[in-house]
Amino acid sequence: MIQATDRILIQAHPNGLSLKLHVQPKSAQNRIVGLHGDALKLKLTAPPVEGAANKACLEVLAQALSIPKSCLEITAGQSSRLKKIFIRCSPAEAARIRRHLEELARI
């Protein structure tokens, strides 16, 4: 099931959730800044070189959602600013993460 929440698309899966991220590398600080279209926008200090921005992307998102990095996977957009992220979690945890993503989208 795909659900639009303040224009952010969060897709439910049997083993978790997926969402779109728009990543802006080489920014002044690491932070989530709201929406970019239907994607959550994430600014990163890391450059888009040798996977540094991808690694930072997962670290910042894991910290923001209070989940381990091992629960996150980039499933599309490895070399693009637009990425699809899979969040591996239980159904109960998915509800908490969905609410938190909704709050982050409103920043």
PDB file of N, CA and C in Angstrom:
ATOM      1  N   MET A   1       0.840  -1.186   0.000  1.00  0.00           N
ATOM      2  CA  MET A   1       0.000   0.000   0.000  1.00  0.00           C
ATOM      3  C   MET A   1       0.880   1.243   0.000  1.00  0.00           C
ATOM      4  N   ILE A   2       0.565   2.183  -0.861  1.00  0.00           N
ATOM      5  CA  ILE A   2       1.296   3.438  -0.914  1.00  0.00           C
ATOM      6  C   ILE A   2       0.444   4.498  -0.242  1.00  0.00           C
ATOM      7  N   GLN A   3       1.073   5.280   0.613  1.00  0.00           N
ATOM      8  CA  GLN A   3       0.343   6.316   1.320  1.00  0.00           C
ATOM      9  C   GLN A   3       1.066   7.639   1.151  1.00  0.00           C
ATOM     10  N   ALA A   4       0.330   8.685   0.772  1.00  0.00           N
ATOM     11  CA  ALA A   4       0.899  10.029   0.678  1.00  0.00           C
ATOM     12  C   ALA A   4       0.619  10.744   1.990  1.00  0.00           C
ATOM     13  N   THR A   5       1.658  11.257   2.594  1.00  0.00           N
ATOM     14  CA  THR A   5       1.547  11.973   3.851  1.00  0.00           C
ATOM     15  C   THR A   5       2.201  13.326   3.652  1.00  0.00           C
ATOM     16  N   ASP A   6       1.408  14.394   3.578  1.00  0.00           N
ATOM     17  CA  ASP A   6       1.966  15.697   3.286  1.00  0.00           C
ATOM     18  C   ASP A   6       2.863  15.623   2.059  1.00  0.00           C
ATOM     19  N   ARG A   7       2.422  14.855   1.072  1.00  0.00           N
ATOM     20  CA  ARG A   7       3.105  14.684  -0.197  1.00  0.00           C
ATOM     21  C   ARG A   7       4.324  13.770  -0.137  1.00  0.00           C
ATOM     22  N   ILE A   8       4.769  13.302   1.019  1.00  0.00           N
ATOM     23  CA  ILE A   8       5.856  12.320   1.071  1.00  0.00           C
ATOM     24  C   ILE A   8       5.243  10.941   0.850  1.00  0.00           C
ATOM     25  N   LEU A   9       5.832  10.161  -0.055  1.00  0.00           N
ATOM     26  CA  LEU A   9       5.311   8.827  -0.323  1.00  0.00           C
ATOM     27  C   LEU A   9       6.039   7.809   0.538  1.00  0.00           C
ATOM     28  N   ILE A  10       5.265   7.095   1.325  1.00  0.00           N
ATOM     29  CA  ILE A  10       5.781   6.022   2.171  1.00  0.00           C
ATOM     30  C   ILE A  10       5.062   4.764   1.722  1.00  0.00           C
ATOM     31  N   GLN A  11       5.825   3.748   1.334  1.00  0.00           N
ATOM     32  CA  GLN A  11       5.236   2.508   0.854  1.00  0.00           C
ATOM     33  C   GLN A  11       5.469   1.410   1.886  1.00  0.00           C
ATOM     34  N   ALA A  12       4.392   0.736   2.262  1.00  0.00           N
ATOM     35  CA  ALA A  12       4.482  -0.371   3.215  1.00  0.00           C
ATOM     36  C   ALA A  12       4.861  -1.651   2.483  1.00  0.00           C
ATOM     37  N   HIS A  13       5.703  -2.463   3.119  1.00  0.00           N
ATOM     38  CA  HIS A  13       6.115  -3.774   2.625  1.00  0.00           C
ATOM     39  C   HIS A  13       5.930  -4.771   3.766  1.00  0.00           C
ATOM     40  N   PRO A  14       5.900  -6.054   3.470  1.00  0.00           N
ATOM     41  CA  PRO A  14       5.757  -7.042   4.550  1.00  0.00           C
ATOM     42  C   PRO A  14       6.864  -6.948   5.604  1.00  0.00           C
ATOM     43  N   ASN A  15       8.056  -6.540   5.194  1.00  0.00           N
ATOM     44  CA  ASN A  15       9.185  -6.480   6.125  1.00  0.00           C
ATOM     45  C   ASN A  15       9.619  -5.066   6.470  1.00  0.00           C
ATOM     46  N   GLY A  16       8.795  -4.066   6.192  1.00  0.00           N
ATOM     47  CA  GLY A  16       9.180  -2.701   6.521  1.00  0.00           C
ATOM     48  C   GLY A  16       8.505  -1.648   5.677  1.00  0.00           C
ATOM     49  N   LEU A  17       9.248  -0.574   5.405  1.00  0.00           N
ATOM     50  CA  LEU A  17       8.747   0.580   4.672  1.00  0.00           C
ATOM     51  C   LEU A  17       9.777   1.013   3.632  1.00  0.00           C
ATOM     52  N   SER A  18       9.330   1.745   2.623  1.00  0.00           N
ATOM     53  CA  SER A  18      10.279   2.382   1.723  1.00  0.00           C
ATOM     54  C   SER A  18       9.832   3.821   1.497  1.00  0.00           C
ATOM     55  N   LEU A  19      10.793   4.667   1.210  1.00  0.00           N
ATOM     56  CA  LEU A  19      10.498   6.060   0.942  1.00  0.00           C
ATOM     57  C   LEU A  19      11.544   6.631   0.005  1.00  0.00           C
ATOM     58  N   LYS A  20      11.222   7.781  -0.579  1.00  0.00           N
ATOM     59  CA  LYS A  20      12.153   8.484  -1.445  1.00  0.00           C
ATOM     60  C   LYS A  20      12.897   9.528  -0.633  1.00  0.00           C
ATOM     61  N   LEU A  21      14.185   9.672  -0.945  1.00  0.00           N
ATOM     62  CA  LEU A  21      15.009  10.735  -0.367  1.00  0.00           C
ATOM     63  C   LEU A  21      15.620  11.549  -1.488  1.00  0.00           C
ATOM     64  N   HIS A  22      15.654  12.841  -1.314  1.00  0.00           N
ATOM     65  CA  HIS A  22      16.415  13.721  -2.198  1.00  0.00           C
ATOM     66  C   HIS A  22      17.611  14.185  -1.379  1.00  0.00           C
ATOM     67  N   VAL A  23      18.819  13.832  -1.840  1.00  0.00           N
ATOM     68  CA  VAL A  23      20.032  14.101  -1.090  1.00  0.00           C
ATOM     69  C   VAL A  23      20.794  15.249  -1.737  1.00  0.00           C
ATOM     70  N   GLN A  24      21.197  16.212  -0.918  1.00  0.00           N
ATOM     71  CA  GLN A  24      22.014  17.332  -1.381  1.00  0.00           C
ATOM     72  C   GLN A  24      23.375  17.230  -0.687  1.00  0.00           C
ATOM     73  N   PRO A  25      24.402  16.724  -1.404  1.00  0.00           N
ATOM     74  CA  PRO A  25      25.732  16.591  -0.796  1.00  0.00           C
ATOM     75  C   PRO A  25      26.459  17.932  -0.710  1.00  0.00           C
ATOM     76  N   LYS A  26      27.551  17.923   0.028  1.00  0.00           N
ATOM     77  CA  LYS A  26      28.428  19.088   0.192  1.00  0.00           C
ATOM     78  C   LYS A  26      27.691  20.299   0.763  1.00  0.00           C
ATOM     79  N   SER A  27      26.817  20.077   1.720  1.00  0.00           N
ATOM     80  CA  SER A  27      26.100  21.157   2.408  1.00  0.00           C
ATOM     81  C   SER A  27      26.879  21.572   3.647  1.00  0.00           C
ATOM     82  N   ALA A  28      26.429  22.623   4.280  1.00  0.00           N
ATOM     83  CA  ALA A  28      27.102  23.138   5.470  1.00  0.00           C
ATOM     84  C   ALA A  28      26.937  22.215   6.679  1.00  0.00           C
ATOM     85  N   GLN A  29      25.813  21.487   6.736  1.00  0.00           N
ATOM     86  CA  GLN A  29      25.575  20.600   7.869  1.00  0.00           C
ATOM     87  C   GLN A  29      24.682  19.440   7.463  1.00  0.00           C
ATOM     88  N   ASN A  30      24.719  18.370   8.247  1.00  0.00           N
ATOM     89  CA  ASN A  30      23.841  17.219   8.031  1.00  0.00           C
ATOM     90  C   ASN A  30      22.505  17.509   8.688  1.00  0.00           C
ATOM     91  N   ARG A  31      21.430  17.501   7.879  1.00  0.00           N
ATOM     92  CA  ARG A  31      20.109  17.707   8.471  1.00  0.00           C
ATOM     93  C   ARG A  31      19.006  17.415   7.472  1.00  0.00           C
ATOM     94  N   ILE A  32      17.854  17.073   8.000  1.00  0.00           N
ATOM     95  CA  ILE A  32      16.653  16.877   7.205  1.00  0.00           C
ATOM     96  C   ILE A  32      15.953  18.223   7.139  1.00  0.00           C
ATOM     97  N   VAL A  33      15.600  18.652   5.926  1.00  0.00           N
ATOM     98  CA  VAL A  33      15.063  20.004   5.758  1.00  0.00           C
ATOM     99  C   VAL A  33      13.618  20.039   5.277  1.00  0.00           C
ATOM    100  N   GLY A  34      12.945  18.898   5.220  1.00  0.00           N
ATOM    101  CA  GLY A  34      11.550  18.887   4.799  1.00  0.00           C
ATOM    102  C   GLY A  34      11.360  18.114   3.519  1.00  0.00           C
ATOM    103  N   LEU A  35      10.535  18.636   2.623  1.00  0.00           N
ATOM    104  CA  LEU A  35      10.190  17.934   1.395  1.00  0.00           C
ATOM    105  C   LEU A  35      10.852  18.547   0.170  1.00  0.00           C
ATOM    106  N   HIS A  36      11.070  17.690  -0.820  1.00  0.00           N
ATOM    107  CA  HIS A  36      11.488  18.090  -2.163  1.00  0.00           C
ATOM    108  C   HIS A  36      10.608  17.269  -3.091  1.00  0.00           C
ATOM    109  N   GLY A  37       9.510  17.868  -3.552  1.00  0.00           N
ATOM    110  CA  GLY A  37       8.509  17.094  -4.289  1.00  0.00           C
ATOM    111  C   GLY A  37       7.847  16.111  -3.343  1.00  0.00           C
ATOM    112  N   ASP A  38       7.886  14.823  -3.697  1.00  0.00           N
ATOM    113  CA  ASP A  38       7.318  13.792  -2.811  1.00  0.00           C
ATOM    114  C   ASP A  38       8.407  13.029  -2.062  1.00  0.00           C
ATOM    115  N   ALA A  39       9.612  13.607  -2.018  1.00  0.00           N
ATOM    116  CA  ALA A  39      10.739  12.970  -1.332  1.00  0.00           C
ATOM    117  C   ALA A  39      11.142  13.785  -0.107  1.00  0.00           C
ATOM    118  N   LEU A  40      11.638  13.099   0.897  1.00  0.00           N
ATOM    119  CA  LEU A  40      12.191  13.759   2.070  1.00  0.00           C
ATOM    120  C   LEU A  40      13.568  14.295   1.679  1.00  0.00           C
ATOM    121  N   LYS A  41      13.836  15.576   1.941  1.00  0.00           N
ATOM    122  CA  LYS A  41      15.115  16.179   1.544  1.00  0.00           C
ATOM    123  C   LYS A  41      16.106  16.117   2.693  1.00  0.00           C
ATOM    124  N   LEU A  42      17.316  15.657   2.367  1.00  0.00           N
ATOM    125  CA  LEU A  42      18.375  15.463   3.331  1.00  0.00           C
ATOM    126  C   LEU A  42      19.624  16.180   2.831  1.00  0.00           C
ATOM    127  N   LYS A  43      20.136  17.121   3.629  1.00  0.00           N
ATOM    128  CA  LYS A  43      21.378  17.815   3.296  1.00  0.00           C
ATOM    129  C   LYS A  43      22.521  17.116   4.032  1.00  0.00           C
ATOM    130  N   LEU A  44      23.621  16.898   3.311  1.00  0.00           N
ATOM    131  CA  LEU A  44      24.771  16.185   3.870  1.00  0.00           C
ATOM    132  C   LEU A  44      26.048  16.976   3.650  1.00  0.00           C
ATOM    133  N   THR A  45      26.955  16.904   4.597  1.00  0.00           N
ATOM    134  CA  THR A  45      28.261  17.549   4.433  1.00  0.00           C
ATOM    135  C   THR A  45      29.178  16.716   3.546  1.00  0.00           C
ATOM    136  N   ALA A  46      28.931  15.433   3.434  1.00  0.00           N
ATOM    137  CA  ALA A  46      29.786  14.525   2.669  1.00  0.00           C
ATOM    138  C   ALA A  46      29.703  14.817   1.170  1.00  0.00           C
ATOM    139  N   PRO A  47      30.829  14.667   0.469  1.00  0.00           N
ATOM    140  CA  PRO A  47      30.817  14.826  -0.988  1.00  0.00           C
ATOM    141  C   PRO A  47      30.304  13.539  -1.653  1.00  0.00           C
ATOM    142  N   PRO A  48      29.823  13.648  -2.889  1.00  0.00           N
ATOM    143  CA  PRO A  48      29.331  12.456  -3.586  1.00  0.00           C
ATOM    144  C   PRO A  48      30.485  11.682  -4.233  1.00  0.00           C
ATOM    145  N   VAL A  49      31.459  11.297  -3.423  1.00  0.00           N
ATOM    146  CA  VAL A  49      32.661  10.627  -3.921  1.00  0.00           C
ATOM    147  C   VAL A  49      32.852   9.307  -3.182  1.00  0.00           C
ATOM    148  N   GLU A  50      33.074   8.240  -3.922  1.00  0.00           N
ATOM    149  CA  GLU A  50      33.384   6.923  -3.367  1.00  0.00           C
ATOM    150  C   GLU A  50      32.383   6.468  -2.300  1.00  0.00           C
ATOM    151  N   GLY A  51      31.117   6.769  -2.489  1.00  0.00           N
ATOM    152  CA  GLY A  51      30.079   6.313  -1.577  1.00  0.00           C
ATOM    153  C   GLY A  51      29.974   7.070  -0.266  1.00  0.00           C
ATOM    154  N   ALA A  52      30.733   8.162  -0.122  1.00  0.00           N
ATOM    155  CA  ALA A  52      30.718   8.909   1.150  1.00  0.00           C
ATOM    156  C   ALA A  52      29.339   9.482   1.438  1.00  0.00           C
ATOM    157  N   ALA A  53      28.680  10.034   0.421  1.00  0.00           N
ATOM    158  CA  ALA A  53      27.356  10.616   0.639  1.00  0.00           C
ATOM    159  C   ALA A  53      26.322   9.527   0.944  1.00  0.00           C
ATOM    160  N   ASN A  54      26.428   8.376   0.296  1.00  0.00           N
ATOM    161  CA  ASN A  54      25.500   7.279   0.576  1.00  0.00           C
ATOM    162  C   ASN A  54      25.654   6.797   2.017  1.00  0.00           C
ATOM    163  N   LYS A  55      26.886   6.657   2.461  1.00  0.00           N
ATOM    164  CA  LYS A  55      27.143   6.228   3.833  1.00  0.00           C
ATOM    165  C   LYS A  55      26.597   7.252   4.826  1.00  0.00           C
ATOM    166  N   ALA A  56      26.864   8.531   4.577  1.00  0.00           N
ATOM    167  CA  ALA A  56      26.371   9.589   5.455  1.00  0.00           C
ATOM    168  C   ALA A  56      24.846   9.642   5.444  1.00  0.00           C
ATOM    169  N   CYS A  57      24.255   9.423   4.301  1.00  0.00           N
ATOM    170  CA  CYS A  57      22.796   9.418   4.157  1.00  0.00           C
ATOM    171  C   CYS A  57      22.175   8.403   5.109  1.00  0.00           C
ATOM    172  N   LEU A  58      22.696   7.191   5.106  1.00  0.00           N
ATOM    173  CA  LEU A  58      22.160   6.143   5.975  1.00  0.00           C
ATOM    174  C   LEU A  58      22.413   6.450   7.443  1.00  0.00           C
ATOM    175  N   GLU A  59      23.576   7.010   7.755  1.00  0.00           N
ATOM    176  CA  GLU A  59      23.897   7.356   9.148  1.00  0.00           C
ATOM    177  C   GLU A  59      22.959   8.431   9.686  1.00  0.00           C
ATOM    178  N   VAL A  60      22.745   9.485   8.901  1.00  0.00           N
ATOM    179  CA  VAL A  60      21.892  10.591   9.345  1.00  0.00           C
ATOM    180  C   VAL A  60      20.440  10.127   9.475  1.00  0.00           C
ATOM    181  N   LEU A  61      19.967   9.362   8.517  1.00  0.00           N
ATOM    182  CA  LEU A  61      18.585   8.879   8.570  1.00  0.00           C
ATOM    183  C   LEU A  61      18.388   7.917   9.745  1.00  0.00           C
ATOM    184  N   ALA A  62      19.342   7.029   9.972  1.00  0.00           N
ATOM    185  CA  ALA A  62      19.240   6.104  11.106  1.00  0.00           C
ATOM    186  C   ALA A  62      19.188   6.863  12.422  1.00  0.00           C
ATOM    187  N   GLN A  63      20.021   7.866  12.550  1.00  0.00           N
ATOM    188  CA  GLN A  63      20.029   8.663  13.781  1.00  0.00           C
ATOM    189  C   GLN A  63      18.702   9.409  13.943  1.00  0.00           C
ATOM    190  N   ALA A  64      18.192   9.995  12.863  1.00  0.00           N
ATOM    191  CA  ALA A  64      16.935  10.746  12.935  1.00  0.00           C
ATOM    192  C   ALA A  64      15.757   9.855  13.307  1.00  0.00           C
ATOM    193  N   LEU A  65      15.787   8.600  12.843  1.00  0.00           N
ATOM    194  CA  LEU A  65      14.681   7.676  13.112  1.00  0.00           C
ATOM    195  C   LEU A  65      14.910   6.805  14.349  1.00  0.00           C
ATOM    196  N   SER A  66      16.063   6.950  14.984  1.00  0.00           N
ATOM    197  CA  SER A  66      16.423   6.150  16.166  1.00  0.00           C
ATOM    198  C   SER A  66      16.377   4.656  15.883  1.00  0.00           C
ATOM    199  N   ILE A  67      16.993   4.272  14.766  1.00  0.00           N
ATOM    200  CA  ILE A  67      17.091   2.865  14.398  1.00  0.00           C
ATOM    201  C   ILE A  67      18.536   2.564  14.008  1.00  0.00           C
ATOM    202  N   PRO A  68      18.946   1.294  14.028  1.00  0.00           N
ATOM    203  CA  PRO A  68      20.310   0.950  13.610  1.00  0.00           C
ATOM    204  C   PRO A  68      20.488   1.146  12.102  1.00  0.00           C
ATOM    205  N   LYS A  69      21.699   1.515  11.700  1.00  0.00           N
ATOM    206  CA  LYS A  69      22.004   1.665  10.274  1.00  0.00           C
ATOM    207  C   LYS A  69      21.749   0.373   9.515  1.00  0.00           C
ATOM    208  N   SER A  70      21.925  -0.753  10.182  1.00  0.00           N
ATOM    209  CA  SER A  70      21.749  -2.048   9.523  1.00  0.00           C
ATOM    210  C   SER A  70      20.303  -2.282   9.064  1.00  0.00           C
ATOM    211  N   CYS A  71      19.371  -1.479   9.556  1.00  0.00           N
ATOM    212  CA  CYS A  71      17.964  -1.589   9.149  1.00  0.00           C
ATOM    213  C   CYS A  71      17.664  -0.813   7.875  1.00  0.00           C
ATOM    214  N   LEU A  72      18.638  -0.055   7.378  1.00  0.00           N
ATOM    215  CA  LEU A  72      18.441   0.793   6.204  1.00  0.00           C
ATOM    216  C   LEU A  72      19.226   0.276   5.015  1.00  0.00           C
ATOM    217  N   GLU A  73      18.631   0.409   3.829  1.00  0.00           N
ATOM    218  CA  GLU A  73      19.290  -0.014   2.603  1.00  0.00           C
ATOM    219  C   GLU A  73      18.873   0.922   1.468  1.00  0.00           C
ATOM    220  N   ILE A  74      19.837   1.346   0.671  1.00  0.00           N
ATOM    221  CA  ILE A  74      19.532   2.116  -0.532  1.00  0.00           C
ATOM    222  C   ILE A  74      19.204   1.108  -1.620  1.00  0.00           C
ATOM    223  N   THR A  75      17.954   1.104  -2.068  1.00  0.00           N
ATOM    224  CA  THR A  75      17.532   0.111  -3.062  1.00  0.00           C
ATOM    225  C   THR A  75      17.543   0.666  -4.478  1.00  0.00           C
ATOM    226  N   ALA A  76      17.605   1.982  -4.630  1.00  0.00           N
ATOM    227  CA  ALA A  76      17.691   2.604  -5.955  1.00  0.00           C
ATOM    228  C   ALA A  76      18.334   3.976  -5.801  1.00  0.00           C
ATOM    229  N   GLY A  77      19.083   4.386  -6.817  1.00  0.00           N
ATOM    230  CA  GLY A  77      19.690   5.709  -6.814  1.00  0.00           C
ATOM    231  C   GLY A  77      21.059   5.765  -6.175  1.00  0.00           C
ATOM    232  N   GLN A  78      21.828   4.685  -6.251  1.00  0.00           N
ATOM    233  CA  GLN A  78      23.162   4.662  -5.646  1.00  0.00           C
ATOM    234  C   GLN A  78      24.028   5.841  -6.092  1.00  0.00           C
ATOM    235  N   SER A  79      23.908   6.257  -7.349  1.00  0.00           N
ATOM    236  CA  SER A  79      24.737   7.349  -7.856  1.00  0.00           C
ATOM    237  C   SER A  79      23.893   8.559  -8.252  1.00  0.00           C
ATOM    238  N   SER A  80      22.742   8.702  -7.630  1.00  0.00           N
ATOM    239  CA  SER A  80      21.817   9.784  -7.945  1.00  0.00           C
ATOM    240  C   SER A  80      21.463  10.554  -6.677  1.00  0.00           C
ATOM    241  N   ARG A  81      20.999  11.779  -6.847  1.00  0.00           N
ATOM    242  CA  ARG A  81      20.512  12.541  -5.694  1.00  0.00           C
ATOM    243  C   ARG A  81      19.189  11.980  -5.189  1.00  0.00           C
ATOM    244  N   LEU A  82      18.394  11.408  -6.092  1.00  0.00           N
ATOM    245  CA  LEU A  82      17.106  10.822  -5.714  1.00  0.00           C
ATOM    246  C   LEU A  82      17.320   9.346  -5.403  1.00  0.00           C
ATOM    247  N   LYS A  83      17.036   8.962  -4.176  1.00  0.00           N
ATOM    248  CA  LYS A  83      17.283   7.604  -3.714  1.00  0.00           C
ATOM    249  C   LYS A  83      16.005   6.989  -3.164  1.00  0.00           C
ATOM    250  N   LYS A  84      15.903   5.681  -3.268  1.00  0.00           N
ATOM    251  CA  LYS A  84      14.821   4.960  -2.631  1.00  0.00           C
ATOM    252  C   LYS A  84      15.444   4.177  -1.483  1.00  0.00           C
ATOM    253  N   ILE A  85      14.889   4.344  -0.297  1.00  0.00           N
ATOM    254  CA  ILE A  85      15.418   3.739   0.921  1.00  0.00           C
ATOM    255  C   ILE A  85      14.426   2.710   1.437  1.00  0.00           C
ATOM    256  N   PHE A  86      14.946   1.520   1.752  1.00  0.00           N
ATOM    257  CA  PHE A  86      14.137   0.488   2.397  1.00  0.00           C
ATOM    258  C   PHE A  86      14.489   0.479   3.878  1.00  0.00           C
ATOM    259  N   ILE A  87      13.460   0.511   4.724  1.00  0.00           N
ATOM    260  CA  ILE A  87      13.628   0.462   6.177  1.00  0.00           C
ATOM    261  C   ILE A  87      13.087  -0.874   6.657  1.00  0.00           C
ATOM    262  N   ARG A  88      13.971  -1.754   7.096  1.00  0.00           N
ATOM    263  CA  ARG A  88      13.588  -3.075   7.582  1.00  0.00           C
ATOM    264  C   ARG A  88      13.111  -2.943   9.028  1.00  0.00           C
ATOM    265  N   CYS A  89      11.833  -3.294   9.274  1.00  0.00           N
ATOM    266  CA  CYS A  89      11.278  -3.156  10.623  1.00  0.00           C
ATOM    267  C   CYS A  89      10.016  -4.001  10.766  1.00  0.00           C
ATOM    268  N   SER A  90       9.617  -4.191  12.011  1.00  0.00           N
ATOM    269  CA  SER A  90       8.383  -4.931  12.301  1.00  0.00           C
ATOM    270  C   SER A  90       7.185  -4.018  12.031  1.00  0.00           C
ATOM    271  N   PRO A  91       5.986  -4.595  11.921  1.00  0.00           N
ATOM    272  CA  PRO A  91       4.792  -3.764  11.720  1.00  0.00           C
ATOM    273  C   PRO A  91       4.580  -2.729  12.835  1.00  0.00           C
ATOM    274  N   ALA A  92       4.854  -3.104  14.066  1.00  0.00           N
ATOM    275  CA  ALA A  92       4.684  -2.155  15.178  1.00  0.00           C
ATOM    276  C   ALA A  92       5.699  -1.018  15.059  1.00  0.00           C
ATOM    277  N   GLU A  93       6.920  -1.357  14.742  1.00  0.00           N
ATOM    278  CA  GLU A  93       7.962  -0.346  14.570  1.00  0.00           C
ATOM    279  C   GLU A  93       7.673   0.512  13.342  1.00  0.00           C
ATOM    280  N   ALA A  94       7.080  -0.073  12.314  1.00  0.00           N
ATOM    281  CA  ALA A  94       6.747   0.675  11.097  1.00  0.00           C
ATOM    282  C   ALA A  94       5.786   1.816  11.406  1.00  0.00           C
ATOM    283  N   ALA A  95       4.831   1.590  12.284  1.00  0.00           N
ATOM    284  CA  ALA A  95       3.877   2.641  12.647  1.00  0.00           C
ATOM    285  C   ALA A  95       4.595   3.812  13.316  1.00  0.00           C
ATOM    286  N   ARG A  96       5.534   3.517  14.219  1.00  0.00           N
ATOM    287  CA  ARG A  96       6.298   4.574  14.888  1.00  0.00           C
ATOM    288  C   ARG A  96       7.171   5.332  13.884  1.00  0.00           C
ATOM    289  N   ILE A  97       7.835   4.597  13.006  1.00  0.00           N
ATOM    290  CA  ILE A  97       8.710   5.225  12.016  1.00  0.00           C
ATOM    291  C   ILE A  97       7.895   6.080  11.058  1.00  0.00           C
ATOM    292  N   ARG A  98       6.727   5.595  10.646  1.00  0.00           N
ATOM    293  CA  ARG A  98       5.857   6.361   9.739  1.00  0.00           C
ATOM    294  C   ARG A  98       5.464   7.698  10.378  1.00  0.00           C
ATOM    295  N   ARG A  99       5.077   7.662  11.663  1.00  0.00           N
ATOM    296  CA  ARG A  99       4.716   8.905  12.356  1.00  0.00           C
ATOM    297  C   ARG A  99       5.913   9.855  12.413  1.00  0.00           C
ATOM    298  N   HIS A 100       7.081   9.309  12.687  1.00  0.00           N
ATOM    299  CA  HIS A 100       8.280  10.132  12.767  1.00  0.00           C
ATOM    300  C   HIS A 100       8.624  10.731  11.397  1.00  0.00           C
ATOM    301  N   LEU A 101       8.477   9.964  10.331  1.00  0.00           N
ATOM    302  CA  LEU A 101       8.722  10.495   8.986  1.00  0.00           C
ATOM    303  C   LEU A 101       7.740  11.608   8.646  1.00  0.00           C
ATOM    304  N   GLU A 102       6.494  11.446   9.074  1.00  0.00           N
ATOM    305  CA  GLU A 102       5.499  12.493   8.848  1.00  0.00           C
ATOM    306  C   GLU A 102       5.903  13.783   9.534  1.00  0.00           C
ATOM    307  N   GLU A 103       6.426  13.678  10.761  1.00  0.00           N
ATOM    308  CA  GLU A 103       6.896  14.858  11.485  1.00  0.00           C
ATOM    309  C   GLU A 103       8.101  15.494  10.786  1.00  0.00           C
ATOM    310  N   LEU A 104       9.033  14.670  10.331  1.00  0.00           N
ATOM    311  CA  LEU A 104      10.224  15.180   9.638  1.00  0.00           C
ATOM    312  C   LEU A 104       9.858  15.876   8.328  1.00  0.00           C
ATOM    313  N   ALA A 105       8.820  15.397   7.657  1.00  0.00           N
ATOM    314  CA  ALA A 105       8.395  15.999   6.406  1.00  0.00           C
ATOM    315  C   ALA A 105       7.841  17.406   6.616  1.00  0.00           C
ATOM    316  N   ARG A 106       7.404  17.709   7.827  1.00  0.00           N
ATOM    317  CA  ARG A 106       6.814  19.018   8.118  1.00  0.00           C
ATOM    318  C   ARG A 106       7.831  20.040   8.609  1.00  0.00           C
ATOM    319  N   ILE A 107       9.083  19.666   8.725  1.00  0.00           N
ATOM    320  CA  ILE A 107      10.116  20.588   9.245  1.00  0.00           C
ATOM    321  C   ILE A 107      10.166  21.836   8.396  1.00  0.00           C
TER     322      ILE A 107
END
